[in-house]
């Protein structure tokens, strides 16, 4: 029986390789540069294009959504599907977040240029996941990339409705 279109899940955005456990950054710009450098080869895009897309979006307003979480995002030409990269920072950094708290969990999200609805769906899904305090506590409680990946991916499968 067909139940209609499948809901997007975090596992559609992340692979075990697209998770970094102890990213070191002194500030927001450095964090975004390092994320772009690590994520570009995995996402199949140019490092500079990725960094500029993220910085451009931050100029519109911080993607720090509160509770120590940021979701820098943007659209990139040439991508086939929405993709993500997650990093847990070794020390929280200033990110001009909505609650003015420093950020230590960053979920970078990029979508194809023409992906209107998918961009918003992916953003909403990531925001929902990282608004959950228990999930964030667990993510902050581990410094192994495999464990971070498992926490991010498992949570969506157990909460799929």
C-alpha atoms as a PDB file:
ATOM      1  CA  UNK A   1       0.000   0.000   0.000  1.00  0.00           C
ATOM      2  CA  UNK A   2       1.417   3.393  -0.985  1.00  0.00           C
ATOM      3  CA  UNK A   3       1.297   5.897   1.851  1.00  0.00           C
ATOM      4  CA  UNK A   4       2.166   8.887  -0.350  1.00  0.00           C
ATOM      5  CA  UNK A   5       5.481  10.738  -0.425  1.00  0.00           C
ATOM      6  CA  UNK A   6       8.025   9.654   2.159  1.00  0.00           C
ATOM      7  CA  UNK A   7       8.811  12.168   4.884  1.00  0.00           C
ATOM      8  CA  UNK A   8      12.298  13.643   4.693  1.00  0.00           C
ATOM      9  CA  UNK A   9      14.553  12.423   7.500  1.00  0.00           C
ATOM     10  CA  UNK A  10      17.868  13.541   8.974  1.00  0.00           C
ATOM     11  CA  UNK A  11      19.459  10.440   7.415  1.00  0.00           C
ATOM     12  CA  UNK A  12      18.592  11.942   4.006  1.00  0.00           C
ATOM     13  CA  UNK A  13      20.834  14.922   4.854  1.00  0.00           C
ATOM     14  CA  UNK A  14      23.719  13.388   6.799  1.00  0.00           C
ATOM     15  CA  UNK A  15      26.151  10.549   6.314  1.00  0.00           C
ATOM     16  CA  UNK A  16      28.553   9.305   9.014  1.00  0.00           C
ATOM     17  CA  UNK A  17      31.261  11.306   7.195  1.00  0.00           C
ATOM     18  CA  UNK A  18      29.318  14.552   7.471  1.00  0.00           C
ATOM     19  CA  UNK A  19      29.641  14.800  11.248  1.00  0.00           C
ATOM     20  CA  UNK A  20      32.554  16.466  13.084  1.00  0.00           C
ATOM     21  CA  UNK A  21      32.990  15.961  16.814  1.00  0.00           C
ATOM     22  CA  UNK A  22      35.449  18.535  18.152  1.00  0.00           C
ATOM     23  CA  UNK A  23      35.526  21.476  15.801  1.00  0.00           C
ATOM     24  CA  UNK A  24      37.759  24.265  17.073  1.00  0.00           C
ATOM     25  CA  UNK A  25      36.829  27.817  16.164  1.00  0.00           C
ATOM     26  CA  UNK A  26      37.491  31.178  17.797  1.00  0.00           C
ATOM     27  CA  UNK A  27      34.527  32.926  16.199  1.00  0.00           C
ATOM     28  CA  UNK A  28      31.558  32.607  13.872  1.00  0.00           C
ATOM     29  CA  UNK A  29      33.468  33.417  10.668  1.00  0.00           C
ATOM     30  CA  UNK A  30      36.192  30.885  11.477  1.00  0.00           C
ATOM     31  CA  UNK A  31      33.573  28.239  12.314  1.00  0.00           C
ATOM     32  CA  UNK A  32      31.812  28.806   8.988  1.00  0.00           C
ATOM     33  CA  UNK A  33      35.134  28.723   7.101  1.00  0.00           C
ATOM     34  CA  UNK A  34      36.146  25.459   8.753  1.00  0.00           C
ATOM     35  CA  UNK A  35      32.701  23.953   8.174  1.00  0.00           C
ATOM     36  CA  UNK A  36      32.843  24.948   4.492  1.00  0.00           C
ATOM     37  CA  UNK A  37      36.305  23.404   4.152  1.00  0.00           C
ATOM     38  CA  UNK A  38      35.206  20.106   5.727  1.00  0.00           C
ATOM     39  CA  UNK A  39      31.740  19.953   4.184  1.00  0.00           C
ATOM     40  CA  UNK A  40      32.490  21.003   0.571  1.00  0.00           C
ATOM     41  CA  UNK A  41      34.217  17.751  -0.528  1.00  0.00           C
ATOM     42  CA  UNK A  42      31.478  15.648   1.113  1.00  0.00           C
ATOM     43  CA  UNK A  43      28.639  17.747  -0.297  1.00  0.00           C
ATOM     44  CA  UNK A  44      30.246  17.911  -3.724  1.00  0.00           C
ATOM     45  CA  UNK A  45      30.457  21.679  -3.973  1.00  0.00           C
ATOM     46  CA  UNK A  46      33.159  24.338  -3.971  1.00  0.00           C
ATOM     47  CA  UNK A  47      34.505  25.424  -0.590  1.00  0.00           C
ATOM     48  CA  UNK A  48      34.481  29.119  -1.501  1.00  0.00           C
ATOM     49  CA  UNK A  49      30.960  29.004  -2.957  1.00  0.00           C
ATOM     50  CA  UNK A  50      29.715  27.234   0.164  1.00  0.00           C
ATOM     51  CA  UNK A  51      31.400  29.695   2.546  1.00  0.00           C
ATOM     52  CA  UNK A  52      30.081  32.707   0.611  1.00  0.00           C
ATOM     53  CA  UNK A  53      26.547  31.279   0.607  1.00  0.00           C
ATOM     54  CA  UNK A  54      26.679  30.815   4.398  1.00  0.00           C
ATOM     55  CA  UNK A  55      28.181  34.268   5.067  1.00  0.00           C
ATOM     56  CA  UNK A  56      25.627  35.883   2.743  1.00  0.00           C
ATOM     57  CA  UNK A  57      22.819  34.257   4.741  1.00  0.00           C
ATOM     58  CA  UNK A  58      24.326  35.369   8.081  1.00  0.00           C
ATOM     59  CA  UNK A  59      24.303  38.979   6.830  1.00  0.00           C
ATOM     60  CA  UNK A  60      20.503  38.774   6.676  1.00  0.00           C
ATOM     61  CA  UNK A  61      20.427  37.762  10.340  1.00  0.00           C
ATOM     62  CA  UNK A  62      22.076  35.192  12.552  1.00  0.00           C
ATOM     63  CA  UNK A  63      21.139  31.552  12.054  1.00  0.00           C
ATOM     64  CA  UNK A  64      21.730  30.990  15.785  1.00  0.00           C
ATOM     65  CA  UNK A  65      18.298  29.645  16.788  1.00  0.00           C
ATOM     66  CA  UNK A  66      18.927  29.657  20.552  1.00  0.00           C
ATOM     67  CA  UNK A  67      19.906  27.135  23.219  1.00  0.00           C
ATOM     68  CA  UNK A  68      23.483  26.958  21.873  1.00  0.00           C
ATOM     69  CA  UNK A  69      22.373  25.846  18.391  1.00  0.00           C
ATOM     70  CA  UNK A  70      22.973  27.376  14.953  1.00  0.00           C
ATOM     71  CA  UNK A  71      21.632  26.224  11.586  1.00  0.00           C
ATOM     72  CA  UNK A  72      23.610  28.083   8.913  1.00  0.00           C
ATOM     73  CA  UNK A  73      21.976  27.401   5.565  1.00  0.00           C
ATOM     74  CA  UNK A  74      21.661  28.394   1.962  1.00  0.00           C
ATOM     75  CA  UNK A  75      20.959  27.303  -1.597  1.00  0.00           C
ATOM     76  CA  UNK A  76      23.715  26.140  -3.915  1.00  0.00           C
ATOM     77  CA  UNK A  77      23.605  25.639  -7.672  1.00  0.00           C
ATOM     78  CA  UNK A  78      24.593  22.166  -8.820  1.00  0.00           C
ATOM     79  CA  UNK A  79      23.415  20.238  -5.760  1.00  0.00           C
ATOM     80  CA  UNK A  80      21.192  17.256  -6.505  1.00  0.00           C
ATOM     81  CA  UNK A  81      19.381  17.154  -3.147  1.00  0.00           C
ATOM     82  CA  UNK A  82      19.350  18.834   0.289  1.00  0.00           C
ATOM     83  CA  UNK A  83      22.518  17.936   2.238  1.00  0.00           C
ATOM     84  CA  UNK A  84      23.776  18.612   5.744  1.00  0.00           C
ATOM     85  CA  UNK A  85      26.897  18.678   7.868  1.00  0.00           C
ATOM     86  CA  UNK A  86      26.821  18.632  11.674  1.00  0.00           C
ATOM     87  CA  UNK A  87      29.550  19.849  14.009  1.00  0.00           C
ATOM     88  CA  UNK A  88      29.898  19.917  17.761  1.00  0.00           C
ATOM     89  CA  UNK A  89      32.357  22.634  18.773  1.00  0.00           C
ATOM     90  CA  UNK A  90      34.909  21.929  21.478  1.00  0.00           C
ATOM     91  CA  UNK A  91      34.119  25.364  23.005  1.00  0.00           C
ATOM     92  CA  UNK A  92      30.995  27.507  22.502  1.00  0.00           C
ATOM     93  CA  UNK A  93      31.468  30.645  20.373  1.00  0.00           C
ATOM     94  CA  UNK A  94      29.635  33.950  20.016  1.00  0.00           C
ATOM     95  CA  UNK A  95      27.156  33.623  17.132  1.00  0.00           C
ATOM     96  CA  UNK A  96      24.761  36.574  17.619  1.00  0.00           C
ATOM     97  CA  UNK A  97      22.070  33.989  18.352  1.00  0.00           C
ATOM     98  CA  UNK A  98      18.477  35.047  19.055  1.00  0.00           C
ATOM     99  CA  UNK A  99      18.949  34.394  22.798  1.00  0.00           C
ATOM    100  CA  UNK A 100      22.493  35.868  22.827  1.00  0.00           C
ATOM    101  CA  UNK A 101      23.895  32.566  24.107  1.00  0.00           C
ATOM    102  CA  UNK A 102      27.091  31.165  22.593  1.00  0.00           C
ATOM    103  CA  UNK A 103      26.740  28.309  20.119  1.00  0.00           C
ATOM    104  CA  UNK A 104      28.380  24.857  20.275  1.00  0.00           C
ATOM    105  CA  UNK A 105      26.100  22.759  18.033  1.00  0.00           C
ATOM    106  CA  UNK A 106      26.030  23.687  14.345  1.00  0.00           C
ATOM    107  CA  UNK A 107      23.965  22.006  11.659  1.00  0.00           C
ATOM    108  CA  UNK A 108      24.932  23.306   8.234  1.00  0.00           C
ATOM    109  CA  UNK A 109      22.205  22.815   5.635  1.00  0.00           C
ATOM    110  CA  UNK A 110      22.391  23.392   1.879  1.00  0.00           C
ATOM    111  CA  UNK A 111      19.737  22.778  -0.735  1.00  0.00           C
ATOM    112  CA  UNK A 112      19.655  22.925  -4.533  1.00  0.00           C
ATOM    113  CA  UNK A 113      18.923  26.375  -5.952  1.00  0.00           C
ATOM    114  CA  UNK A 114      15.427  25.528  -7.170  1.00  0.00           C
ATOM    115  CA  UNK A 115      14.324  23.523  -4.112  1.00  0.00           C
ATOM    116  CA  UNK A 116      11.733  25.881  -2.647  1.00  0.00           C
ATOM    117  CA  UNK A 117       9.612  23.593  -0.480  1.00  0.00           C
ATOM    118  CA  UNK A 118      12.393  21.094   0.244  1.00  0.00           C
ATOM    119  CA  UNK A 119      14.599  23.861   1.636  1.00  0.00           C
ATOM    120  CA  UNK A 120      11.903  24.882   4.128  1.00  0.00           C
ATOM    121  CA  UNK A 121      11.006  21.275   4.999  1.00  0.00           C
ATOM    122  CA  UNK A 122      14.646  20.399   5.682  1.00  0.00           C
ATOM    123  CA  UNK A 123      15.139  23.573   7.735  1.00  0.00           C
ATOM    124  CA  UNK A 124      12.010  22.894   9.788  1.00  0.00           C
ATOM    125  CA  UNK A 125      13.045  19.291  10.416  1.00  0.00           C
ATOM    126  CA  UNK A 126      16.557  20.259  11.569  1.00  0.00           C
ATOM    127  CA  UNK A 127      15.175  23.054  13.770  1.00  0.00           C
ATOM    128  CA  UNK A 128      12.662  20.690  15.382  1.00  0.00           C
ATOM    129  CA  UNK A 129      15.360  18.120  16.099  1.00  0.00           C
ATOM    130  CA  UNK A 130      17.722  20.661  17.654  1.00  0.00           C
ATOM    131  CA  UNK A 131      15.048  22.487  19.649  1.00  0.00           C
ATOM    132  CA  UNK A 132      14.698  19.316  21.720  1.00  0.00           C
ATOM    133  CA  UNK A 133      16.717  19.957  24.900  1.00  0.00           C
ATOM    134  CA  UNK A 134      17.250  16.257  25.632  1.00  0.00           C
ATOM    135  CA  UNK A 135      18.676  15.682  22.161  1.00  0.00           C
ATOM    136  CA  UNK A 136      21.023  18.654  22.593  1.00  0.00           C
ATOM    137  CA  UNK A 137      22.149  17.411  26.015  1.00  0.00           C
ATOM    138  CA  UNK A 138      22.965  14.005  24.523  1.00  0.00           C
ATOM    139  CA  UNK A 139      24.839  15.631  21.611  1.00  0.00           C
ATOM    140  CA  UNK A 140      26.855  17.725  24.086  1.00  0.00           C
ATOM    141  CA  UNK A 141      27.542  14.596  26.127  1.00  0.00           C
ATOM    142  CA  UNK A 142      29.598  12.823  23.474  1.00  0.00           C
ATOM    143  CA  UNK A 143      32.731  13.712  21.582  1.00  0.00           C
ATOM    144  CA  UNK A 144      32.688  10.846  19.087  1.00  0.00           C
ATOM    145  CA  UNK A 145      31.476  11.530  15.555  1.00  0.00           C
ATOM    146  CA  UNK A 146      29.865   8.058  15.244  1.00  0.00           C
ATOM    147  CA  UNK A 147      27.859   8.628  18.443  1.00  0.00           C
ATOM    148  CA  UNK A 148      26.775  12.099  17.274  1.00  0.00           C
ATOM    149  CA  UNK A 149      25.644  10.649  13.956  1.00  0.00           C
ATOM    150  CA  UNK A 150      23.693   7.875  15.687  1.00  0.00           C
ATOM    151  CA  UNK A 151      21.968  10.363  18.015  1.00  0.00           C
ATOM    152  CA  UNK A 152      20.996  12.668  15.152  1.00  0.00           C
ATOM    153  CA  UNK A 153      19.722   9.895  12.890  1.00  0.00           C
ATOM    154  CA  UNK A 154      18.120   7.578  15.477  1.00  0.00           C
ATOM    155  CA  UNK A 155      16.034  10.333  16.960  1.00  0.00           C
ATOM    156  CA  UNK A 156      14.145  10.897  13.714  1.00  0.00           C
ATOM    157  CA  UNK A 157      13.333   7.250  13.131  1.00  0.00           C
ATOM    158  CA  UNK A 158      11.931   6.770  16.653  1.00  0.00           C
ATOM    159  CA  UNK A 159       9.820   9.962  16.381  1.00  0.00           C
ATOM    160  CA  UNK A 160       8.503   9.465  12.865  1.00  0.00           C
ATOM    161  CA  UNK A 161       4.717   9.740  12.926  1.00  0.00           C
END
